[in-house]
All heavy atoms as atom14 arrays in JSON, in Angstrom:
{
  "sequence": "GSYYCKCQLGYELKYISGRYDCVDVNECVTNTHRCSLHAECLNT",
  "atom14_mask": [
    [1, 1, 1, 1, 0, 0, 0, 0, 0, 0, 0, 0, 0, 0],
    [1, 1, 1, 1, 1, 1, 0, 0, 0, 0, 0, 0, 0, 0],
    [1, 1, 1, 1, 1, 1, 1, 1, 1, 1, 1, 1, 0, 0],
    [1, 1, 1, 1, 1, 1, 1, 1, 1, 1, 1, 1, 0, 0],
    [1, 1, 1, 1, 1, 1, 0, 0, 0, 0, 0, 0, 0, 0],
    [1, 1, 1, 1, 1, 1, 1, 1, 1, 0, 0, 0, 0, 0],
    [1, 1, 1, 1, 1, 1, 0, 0, 0, 0, 0, 0, 0, 0],
    [1, 1, 1, 1, 1, 1, 1, 1, 1, 0, 0, 0, 0, 0],
    [1, 1, 1, 1, 1, 1, 1, 1, 0, 0, 0, 0, 0, 0],
    [1, 1, 1, 1, 0, 0, 0, 0, 0, 0, 0, 0, 0, 0],
    [1, 1, 1, 1, 1, 1, 1, 1, 1, 1, 1, 1, 0, 0],
    [1, 1, 1, 1, 1, 1, 1, 1, 1, 0, 0, 0, 0, 0],
    [1, 1, 1, 1, 1, 1, 1, 1, 0, 0, 0, 0, 0, 0],
    [1, 1, 1, 1, 1, 1, 1, 1, 1, 0, 0, 0, 0, 0],
    [1, 1, 1, 1, 1, 1, 1, 1, 1, 1, 1, 1, 0, 0],
    [1, 1, 1, 1, 1, 1, 1, 1, 0, 0, 0, 0, 0, 0],
    [1, 1, 1, 1, 1, 1, 0, 0, 0, 0, 0, 0, 0, 0],
    [1, 1, 1, 1, 0, 0, 0, 0, 0, 0, 0, 0, 0, 0],
    [1, 1, 1, 1, 1, 1, 1, 1, 1, 1, 1, 0, 0, 0],
    [1, 1, 1, 1, 1, 1, 1, 1, 1, 1, 1, 1, 0, 0],
    [1, 1, 1, 1, 1, 1, 1, 1, 0, 0, 0, 0, 0, 0],
    [1, 1, 1, 1, 1, 1, 0, 0, 0, 0, 0, 0, 0, 0],
    [1, 1, 1, 1, 1, 1, 1, 0, 0, 0, 0, 0, 0, 0],
    [1, 1, 1, 1, 1, 1, 1, 1, 0, 0, 0, 0, 0, 0],
    [1, 1, 1, 1, 1, 1, 1, 0, 0, 0, 0, 0, 0, 0],
    [1, 1, 1, 1, 1, 1, 1, 1, 0, 0, 0, 0, 0, 0],
    [1, 1, 1, 1, 1, 1, 1, 1, 1, 0, 0, 0, 0, 0],
    [1, 1, 1, 1, 1, 1, 0, 0, 0, 0, 0, 0, 0, 0],
    [1, 1, 1, 1, 1, 1, 1, 0, 0, 0, 0, 0, 0, 0],
    [1, 1, 1, 1, 1, 1, 1, 0, 0, 0, 0, 0, 0, 0],
    [1, 1, 1, 1, 1, 1, 1, 1, 0, 0, 0, 0, 0, 0],
    [1, 1, 1, 1, 1, 1, 1, 0, 0, 0, 0, 0, 0, 0],
    [1, 1, 1, 1, 1, 1, 1, 1, 1, 1, 0, 0, 0, 0],
    [1, 1, 1, 1, 1, 1, 1, 1, 1, 1, 1, 0, 0, 0],
    [1, 1, 1, 1, 1, 1, 0, 0, 0, 0, 0, 0, 0, 0],
    [1, 1, 1, 1, 1, 1, 0, 0, 0, 0, 0, 0, 0, 0],
    [1, 1, 1, 1, 1, 1, 1, 1, 0, 0, 0, 0, 0, 0],
    [1, 1, 1, 1, 1, 1, 1, 1, 1, 1, 0, 0, 0, 0],
    [1, 1, 1, 1, 1, 0, 0, 0, 0, 0, 0, 0, 0, 0],
    [1, 1, 1, 1, 1, 1, 1, 1, 1, 0, 0, 0, 0, 0],
    [1, 1, 1, 1, 1, 1, 0, 0, 0, 0, 0, 0, 0, 0],
    [1, 1, 1, 1, 1, 1, 1, 1, 0, 0, 0, 0, 0, 0],
    [1, 1, 1, 1, 1, 1, 1, 1, 0, 0, 0, 0, 0, 0],
    [1, 1, 1, 1, 1, 1, 1, 0, 0, 0, 0, 0, 0, 0]
  ],
  "atom14_positions": [
    [[39.13, 113.1, -133.33], [39.18, 114.02, -134.47], [40.01, 115.26, -134.25], [40.16, 116.08, -135.14], [0.0, 0.0, 0.0], [0.0, 0.0, 0.0], [0.0, 0.0, 0.0], [0.0, 0.0, 0.0], [0.0, 0.0, 0.0], [0.0, 0.0, 0.0], [0.0, 0.0, 0.0], [0.0, 0.0, 0.0], [0.0, 0.0, 0.0], [0.0, 0.0, 0.0]],
    [[40.56, 115.43, -133.03], [41.35, 116.63, -132.76], [42.24, 116.43, -131.52], [42.51, 115.3, -131.13], [40.41, 117.83, -132.56], [41.16, 119.03, -132.56], [0.0, 0.0, 0.0], [0.0, 0.0, 0.0], [0.0, 0.0, 0.0], [0.0, 0.0, 0.0], [0.0, 0.0, 0.0], [0.0, 0.0, 0.0], [0.0, 0.0, 0.0], [0.0, 0.0, 0.0]],
    [[42.7, 117.54, -130.93], [43.51, 117.5, -129.71], [43.47, 118.88, -129.06], [43.03, 119.85, -129.68], [44.96, 117.11, -130.03], [45.73, 118.2, -130.75], [46.52, 119.11, -130.06], [45.67, 118.32, -132.15], [47.22, 120.11, -130.73], [46.36, 119.32, -132.82], [47.13, 120.22, -132.11], [47.81, 121.21, -132.76], [0.0, 0.0, 0.0], [0.0, 0.0, 0.0]],
    [[43.91, 118.97, -127.81], [44.09, 120.28, -127.19], [45.34, 120.25, -126.32], [45.87, 119.18, -126.02], [42.86, 120.74, -126.41], [42.44, 119.9, -125.23], [42.92, 120.15, -123.95], [41.54, 118.84, -125.38], [42.53, 119.38, -122.87], [41.15, 118.07, -124.31], [41.65, 118.35, -123.04], [41.26, 117.58, -121.98], [0.0, 0.0, 0.0], [0.0, 0.0, 0.0]],
    [[45.84, 121.43, -125.96], [47.06, 121.53, -125.17], [46.71, 121.93, -123.74], [45.94, 122.87, -123.54], [47.99, 122.58, -125.78], [48.48, 122.21, -127.48], [0.0, 0.0, 0.0], [0.0, 0.0, 0.0], [0.0, 0.0, 0.0], [0.0, 0.0, 0.0], [0.0, 0.0, 0.0], [0.0, 0.0, 0.0], [0.0, 0.0, 0.0], [0.0, 0.0, 0.0]],
    [[47.25, 121.21, -122.78], [46.96, 121.45, -121.38], [48.26, 121.68, -120.64], [49.3, 121.18, -121.06], [46.25, 120.2, -120.83], [45.43, 120.45, -119.6], [44.66, 119.21, -119.19], [43.89, 119.54, -117.94], [43.09, 118.52, -117.41], [0.0, 0.0, 0.0], [0.0, 0.0, 0.0], [0.0, 0.0, 0.0], [0.0, 0.0, 0.0], [0.0, 0.0, 0.0]],
    [[48.21, 122.41, -119.53], [49.43, 122.62, -118.74], [49.98, 121.28, -118.26], [49.23, 120.37, -117.97], [49.13, 123.49, -117.52], [48.82, 125.22, -117.92], [0.0, 0.0, 0.0], [0.0, 0.0, 0.0], [0.0, 0.0, 0.0], [0.0, 0.0, 0.0], [0.0, 0.0, 0.0], [0.0, 0.0, 0.0], [0.0, 0.0, 0.0], [0.0, 0.0, 0.0]],
    [[51.31, 121.2, -118.19], [51.95, 119.99, -117.65], [51.49, 119.76, -116.22], [51.09, 120.7, -115.55], [53.49, 120.17, -117.63], [54.12, 120.4, -118.99], [54.28, 119.11, -119.79], [53.78, 118.06, -119.43], [54.98, 119.21, -120.91], [0.0, 0.0, 0.0], [0.0, 0.0, 0.0], [0.0, 0.0, 0.0], [0.0, 0.0, 0.0], [0.0, 0.0, 0.0]],
    [[51.57, 118.52, -115.75], [51.22, 118.23, -114.36], [52.14, 119.04, -113.45], [53.33, 119.17, -113.73], [51.39, 116.73, -114.07], [50.37, 115.82, -114.78], [50.79, 114.38, -114.7], [48.98, 116.01, -114.22], [0.0, 0.0, 0.0], [0.0, 0.0, 0.0], [0.0, 0.0, 0.0], [0.0, 0.0, 0.0], [0.0, 0.0, 0.0], [0.0, 0.0, 0.0]],
    [[51.57, 119.61, -112.4], [52.36, 120.44, -111.49], [52.34, 121.91, -111.87], [52.95, 122.74, -111.21], [0.0, 0.0, 0.0], [0.0, 0.0, 0.0], [0.0, 0.0, 0.0], [0.0, 0.0, 0.0], [0.0, 0.0, 0.0], [0.0, 0.0, 0.0], [0.0, 0.0, 0.0], [0.0, 0.0, 0.0], [0.0, 0.0, 0.0], [0.0, 0.0, 0.0]],
    [[51.62, 122.22, -112.97], [51.47, 123.6, -113.42], [50.0, 123.91, -113.61], [49.2, 123.02, -113.86], [52.2, 123.84, -114.76], [53.7, 123.75, -114.65], [54.35, 122.52, -114.72], [54.47, 124.89, -114.47], [55.73, 122.41, -114.6], [55.86, 124.8, -114.37], [56.47, 123.56, -114.44], [57.84, 123.48, -114.33], [0.0, 0.0, 0.0], [0.0, 0.0, 0.0]],
    [[49.62, 125.19, -113.5], [48.23, 125.58, -113.75], [48.21, 126.83, -114.62], [49.15, 127.62, -114.62], [47.47, 125.81, -112.43], [48.03, 126.93, -111.57], [47.31, 127.07, -110.24], [46.22, 126.5, -110.08], [47.85, 127.76, -109.36], [0.0, 0.0, 0.0], [0.0, 0.0, 0.0], [0.0, 0.0, 0.0], [0.0, 0.0, 0.0], [0.0, 0.0, 0.0]],
    [[47.13, 127.0, -115.37], [46.99, 128.13, -116.26], [46.6, 129.37, -115.47], [45.63, 129.35, -114.72], [45.93, 127.84, -117.32], [45.98, 128.72, -118.57], [47.22, 128.4, -119.38], [44.75, 128.51, -119.42], [0.0, 0.0, 0.0], [0.0, 0.0, 0.0], [0.0, 0.0, 0.0], [0.0, 0.0, 0.0], [0.0, 0.0, 0.0], [0.0, 0.0, 0.0]],
    [[47.39, 130.44, -115.61], [47.1, 131.69, -114.89], [47.21, 132.85, -115.87], [47.98, 132.81, -116.82], [48.08, 131.88, -113.74], [47.75, 131.04, -112.53], [48.33, 131.63, -111.27], [47.74, 130.93, -110.06], [48.58, 131.07, -108.88], [0.0, 0.0, 0.0], [0.0, 0.0, 0.0], [0.0, 0.0, 0.0], [0.0, 0.0, 0.0], [0.0, 0.0, 0.0]],
    [[46.43, 133.89, -115.57], [46.45, 135.1, -116.4], [47.43, 136.07, -115.75], [47.16, 136.62, -114.68], [45.04, 135.69, -116.46], [44.88, 136.8, -117.48], [44.94, 136.52, -118.84], [44.67, 138.11, -117.09], [44.79, 137.51, -119.78], [44.51, 139.12, -118.02], [44.58, 138.83, -119.37], [44.42, 139.82, -120.3], [0.0, 0.0, 0.0], [0.0, 0.0, 0.0]],
    [[48.6, 136.23, -116.36], [49.63, 137.09, -115.78], [50.1, 138.09, -116.82], [50.4, 137.73, -117.95], [50.81, 136.24, -115.25], [50.33, 135.39, -114.06], [51.99, 137.11, -114.83], [51.3, 134.33, -113.63], [0.0, 0.0, 0.0], [0.0, 0.0, 0.0], [0.0, 0.0, 0.0], [0.0, 0.0, 0.0], [0.0, 0.0, 0.0], [0.0, 0.0, 0.0]],
    [[50.17, 139.34, -116.41], [50.58, 140.48, -117.26], [50.05, 140.37, -118.69], [50.79, 140.38, -119.65], [52.09, 140.7, -117.22], [52.79, 139.53, -117.6], [0.0, 0.0, 0.0], [0.0, 0.0, 0.0], [0.0, 0.0, 0.0], [0.0, 0.0, 0.0], [0.0, 0.0, 0.0], [0.0, 0.0, 0.0], [0.0, 0.0, 0.0], [0.0, 0.0, 0.0]],
    [[48.7, 140.25, -118.78], [48.03, 140.33, -120.07], [48.02, 139.07, -120.9], [47.55, 139.08, -122.03], [0.0, 0.0, 0.0], [0.0, 0.0, 0.0], [0.0, 0.0, 0.0], [0.0, 0.0, 0.0], [0.0, 0.0, 0.0], [0.0, 0.0, 0.0], [0.0, 0.0, 0.0], [0.0, 0.0, 0.0], [0.0, 0.0, 0.0], [0.0, 0.0, 0.0]],
    [[48.54, 137.96, -120.39], [48.46, 136.73, -121.17], [48.37, 135.51, -120.26], [48.73, 135.55, -119.09], [49.63, 136.6, -122.15], [50.98, 136.39, -121.51], [52.09, 136.5, -122.55], [53.3, 135.87, -122.06], [53.69, 134.65, -122.39], [52.98, 133.93, -123.22], [54.8, 134.14, -121.91], [0.0, 0.0, 0.0], [0.0, 0.0, 0.0], [0.0, 0.0, 0.0]],
    [[47.89, 134.41, -120.85], [47.76, 133.16, -120.1], [49.06, 132.39, -120.17], [49.68, 132.31, -121.22], [46.61, 132.31, -120.66], [45.27, 132.9, -120.35], [44.52, 133.56, -121.31], [44.74, 132.8, -119.06], [43.29, 134.11, -121.01], [43.51, 133.35, -118.75], [42.78, 134.0, -119.72], [41.57, 134.55, -119.41], [0.0, 0.0, 0.0], [0.0, 0.0, 0.0]],
    [[49.47, 131.86, -119.03], [50.7, 131.1, -119.0], [50.57, 129.96, -117.99], [49.79, 130.04, -117.05], [51.87, 132.01, -118.6], [53.17, 131.57, -119.24], [53.17, 130.55, -119.96], [54.2, 132.24, -119.0], [0.0, 0.0, 0.0], [0.0, 0.0, 0.0], [0.0, 0.0, 0.0], [0.0, 0.0, 0.0], [0.0, 0.0, 0.0], [0.0, 0.0, 0.0]],
    [[51.36, 128.9, -118.21], [51.36, 127.78, -117.25], [52.37, 128.11, -116.16], [53.55, 128.31, -116.43], [51.73, 126.49, -117.96], [50.46, 125.94, -119.12], [0.0, 0.0, 0.0], [0.0, 0.0, 0.0], [0.0, 0.0, 0.0], [0.0, 0.0, 0.0], [0.0, 0.0, 0.0], [0.0, 0.0, 0.0], [0.0, 0.0, 0.0], [0.0, 0.0, 0.0]],
    [[51.87, 128.19, -114.94], [52.7, 128.6, -113.8], [52.81, 127.43, -112.82], [51.85, 126.69, -112.61], [52.06, 129.83, -113.11], [52.86, 130.27, -111.91], [51.92, 130.98, -114.1], [0.0, 0.0, 0.0], [0.0, 0.0, 0.0], [0.0, 0.0, 0.0], [0.0, 0.0, 0.0], [0.0, 0.0, 0.0], [0.0, 0.0, 0.0], [0.0, 0.0, 0.0]],
    [[54.0, 127.3, -112.22], [54.24, 126.23, -111.25], [53.25, 126.31, -110.09], [52.97, 127.39, -109.58], [55.68, 126.37, -110.72], [55.95, 125.43, -109.56], [55.76, 124.22, -109.74], [56.33, 125.91, -108.47], [0.0, 0.0, 0.0], [0.0, 0.0, 0.0], [0.0, 0.0, 0.0], [0.0, 0.0, 0.0], [0.0, 0.0, 0.0], [0.0, 0.0, 0.0]],
    [[52.72, 125.17, -109.69], [51.83, 125.09, -108.53], [52.73, 124.86, -107.32], [53.55, 123.94, -107.32], [50.83, 123.9, -108.66], [50.03, 123.72, -107.39], [49.91, 124.11, -109.85], [0.0, 0.0, 0.0], [0.0, 0.0, 0.0], [0.0, 0.0, 0.0], [0.0, 0.0, 0.0], [0.0, 0.0, 0.0], [0.0, 0.0, 0.0], [0.0, 0.0, 0.0]],
    [[52.59, 125.7, -106.3], [53.37, 125.51, -105.07], [52.6, 124.55, -104.16], [51.71, 124.95, -103.42], [53.63, 126.84, -104.38], [54.57, 126.69, -103.18], [54.69, 125.63, -102.59], [55.25, 127.78, -102.83], [0.0, 0.0, 0.0], [0.0, 0.0, 0.0], [0.0, 0.0, 0.0], [0.0, 0.0, 0.0], [0.0, 0.0, 0.0], [0.0, 0.0, 0.0]],
    [[52.92, 123.26, -104.27], [52.18, 122.22, -103.53], [52.31, 122.41, -102.02], [51.43, 121.99, -101.27], [52.69, 120.82, -103.9], [52.39, 120.4, -105.32], [53.39, 120.88, -106.36], [54.35, 121.6, -105.98], [53.2, 120.57, -107.54], [0.0, 0.0, 0.0], [0.0, 0.0, 0.0], [0.0, 0.0, 0.0], [0.0, 0.0, 0.0], [0.0, 0.0, 0.0]],
    [[53.41, 123.07, -101.57], [53.61, 123.29, -100.13], [52.6, 124.3, -99.6], [52.13, 124.2, -98.47], [55.03, 123.77, -99.87], [56.27, 122.64, -100.54], [0.0, 0.0, 0.0], [0.0, 0.0, 0.0], [0.0, 0.0, 0.0], [0.0, 0.0, 0.0], [0.0, 0.0, 0.0], [0.0, 0.0, 0.0], [0.0, 0.0, 0.0], [0.0, 0.0, 0.0]],
    [[52.25, 125.29, -100.42], [51.3, 126.33, -100.02], [49.87, 125.83, -100.2], [49.01, 126.04, -99.34], [51.54, 127.63, -100.84], [50.46, 128.66, -100.55], [52.91, 128.21, -100.52], [0.0, 0.0, 0.0], [0.0, 0.0, 0.0], [0.0, 0.0, 0.0], [0.0, 0.0, 0.0], [0.0, 0.0, 0.0], [0.0, 0.0, 0.0], [0.0, 0.0, 0.0]],
    [[49.59, 125.14, -101.32], [48.23, 124.68, -101.6], [47.88, 123.42, -100.79], [46.76, 122.95, -100.82], [48.03, 124.36, -103.1], [49.01, 123.38, -103.48], [48.18, 125.6, -103.96], [0.0, 0.0, 0.0], [0.0, 0.0, 0.0], [0.0, 0.0, 0.0], [0.0, 0.0, 0.0], [0.0, 0.0, 0.0], [0.0, 0.0, 0.0], [0.0, 0.0, 0.0]],
    [[48.89, 122.91, -100.04], [48.71, 121.73, -99.19], [48.31, 120.49, -99.97], [47.55, 119.66, -99.48], [47.69, 122.03, -98.08], [48.2, 121.57, -96.72], [49.33, 121.07, -96.61], [47.39, 121.73, -95.7], [0.0, 0.0, 0.0], [0.0, 0.0, 0.0], [0.0, 0.0, 0.0], [0.0, 0.0, 0.0], [0.0, 0.0, 0.0], [0.0, 0.0, 0.0]],
    [[48.82, 120.36, -101.2], [48.51, 119.19, -102.01], [49.68, 118.21, -102.02], [49.71, 117.28, -102.79], [48.16, 119.6, -103.46], [49.16, 120.5, -103.93], [46.79, 120.25, -103.55], [0.0, 0.0, 0.0], [0.0, 0.0, 0.0], [0.0, 0.0, 0.0], [0.0, 0.0, 0.0], [0.0, 0.0, 0.0], [0.0, 0.0, 0.0], [0.0, 0.0, 0.0]],
    [[50.65, 118.44, -101.11], [51.79, 117.52, -101.0], [51.38, 116.34, -100.1], [50.36, 116.39, -99.43], [53.01, 118.25, -100.42], [52.78, 118.78, -99.04], [52.92, 118.0, -97.92], [52.37, 120.0, -98.61], [52.64, 118.71, -96.85], [52.29, 119.94, -97.24], [0.0, 0.0, 0.0], [0.0, 0.0, 0.0], [0.0, 0.0, 0.0], [0.0, 0.0, 0.0]],
    [[52.23, 115.31, -100.11], [51.94, 114.14, -99.28], [53.11, 113.9, -98.31], [53.43, 112.77, -97.98], [51.71, 112.9, -100.16], [50.55, 113.05, -101.12], [50.44, 111.87, -102.09], [51.68, 111.55, -102.8], [52.15, 112.24, -103.83], [51.5, 113.31, -104.29], [53.28, 111.88, -104.42], [0.0, 0.0, 0.0], [0.0, 0.0, 0.0], [0.0, 0.0, 0.0]],
    [[53.73, 114.98, -97.89], [54.88, 114.86, -96.99], [54.42, 114.4, -95.61], [53.3, 114.67, -95.19], [55.6, 116.2, -96.84], [56.36, 116.8, -98.36], [0.0, 0.0, 0.0], [0.0, 0.0, 0.0], [0.0, 0.0, 0.0], [0.0, 0.0, 0.0], [0.0, 0.0, 0.0], [0.0, 0.0, 0.0], [0.0, 0.0, 0.0], [0.0, 0.0, 0.0]],
    [[55.34, 113.73, -94.91], [55.09, 113.28, -93.54], [54.9, 114.5, -92.64], [55.4, 115.59, -92.94], [56.29, 112.46, -93.07], [56.34, 112.41, -91.66], [0.0, 0.0, 0.0], [0.0, 0.0, 0.0], [0.0, 0.0, 0.0], [0.0, 0.0, 0.0], [0.0, 0.0, 0.0], [0.0, 0.0, 0.0], [0.0, 0.0, 0.0], [0.0, 0.0, 0.0]],
    [[54.2, 114.3, -91.55], [54.01, 115.39, -90.56], [55.37, 115.81, -89.99], [55.55, 116.93, -89.54], [53.11, 114.92, -89.42], [51.62, 114.82, -89.73], [50.88, 114.11, -88.62], [51.02, 116.21, -89.95], [0.0, 0.0, 0.0], [0.0, 0.0, 0.0], [0.0, 0.0, 0.0], [0.0, 0.0, 0.0], [0.0, 0.0, 0.0], [0.0, 0.0, 0.0]],
    [[56.34, 114.89, -90.03], [57.68, 115.15, -89.49], [58.66, 115.51, -90.6], [59.85, 115.24, -90.49], [58.18, 113.93, -88.71], [57.23, 113.48, -87.65], [56.95, 114.25, -86.54], [56.45, 112.36, -87.54], [56.05, 113.62, -85.8], [55.72, 112.47, -86.38], [0.0, 0.0, 0.0], [0.0, 0.0, 0.0], [0.0, 0.0, 0.0], [0.0, 0.0, 0.0]],
    [[58.12, 116.09, -91.7], [58.99, 116.48, -92.82], [58.67, 117.9, -93.27], [57.59, 118.42, -93.0], [58.8, 115.51, -93.99], [0.0, 0.0, 0.0], [0.0, 0.0, 0.0], [0.0, 0.0, 0.0], [0.0, 0.0, 0.0], [0.0, 0.0, 0.0], [0.0, 0.0, 0.0], [0.0, 0.0, 0.0], [0.0, 0.0, 0.0], [0.0, 0.0, 0.0]],
    [[59.66, 118.5, -93.92], [59.49, 119.82, -94.51], [59.15, 119.64, -95.98], [59.71, 118.77, -96.64], [60.81, 120.6, -94.45], [61.03, 121.42, -93.22], [62.41, 122.06, -93.31], [62.52, 123.12, -93.97], [63.36, 121.48, -92.76], [0.0, 0.0, 0.0], [0.0, 0.0, 0.0], [0.0, 0.0, 0.0], [0.0, 0.0, 0.0], [0.0, 0.0, 0.0]],
    [[58.24, 120.48, -96.49], [57.9, 120.44, -97.91], [58.72, 121.51, -98.62], [58.78, 122.65, -98.18], [56.4, 120.71, -98.09], [55.9, 120.83, -99.81], [0.0, 0.0, 0.0], [0.0, 0.0, 0.0], [0.0, 0.0, 0.0], [0.0, 0.0, 0.0], [0.0, 0.0, 0.0], [0.0, 0.0, 0.0], [0.0, 0.0, 0.0], [0.0, 0.0, 0.0]],
    [[59.37, 121.12, -99.71], [60.18, 122.07, -100.51], [59.6, 122.1, -101.91], [59.56, 121.07, -102.6], [61.64, 121.63, -100.55], [62.32, 121.36, -99.2], [63.57, 120.54, -99.37], [62.65, 122.67, -98.5], [0.0, 0.0, 0.0], [0.0, 0.0, 0.0], [0.0, 0.0, 0.0], [0.0, 0.0, 0.0], [0.0, 0.0, 0.0], [0.0, 0.0, 0.0]],
    [[59.16, 123.28, -102.34], [58.59, 123.41, -103.68], [59.68, 123.36, -104.74], [60.76, 123.91, -104.56], [57.79, 124.71, -103.8], [57.05, 124.8, -105.12], [56.32, 123.88, -105.49], [57.23, 125.88, -105.84], [0.0, 0.0, 0.0], [0.0, 0.0, 0.0], [0.0, 0.0, 0.0], [0.0, 0.0, 0.0], [0.0, 0.0, 0.0], [0.0, 0.0, 0.0]],
    [[59.4, 122.66, -105.86], [60.32, 122.65, -107.01], [59.5, 122.98, -108.25], [58.27, 122.98, -108.2], [60.97, 121.25, -107.19], [59.93, 120.31, -107.47], [61.74, 120.81, -105.98], [0.0, 0.0, 0.0], [0.0, 0.0, 0.0], [0.0, 0.0, 0.0], [0.0, 0.0, 0.0], [0.0, 0.0, 0.0], [0.0, 0.0, 0.0], [0.0, 0.0, 0.0]]
  ]
}
């Protein structure tokens, strides 16, 4: 009967300078990447 809007995958809702916005998730910092132990993680 309805719908809602959600941040795209790889983004999260954050409250920045007085409003909510979808901000990129830095998977390298949050450790949610699946890179090899012998690889560097580069956020995009």
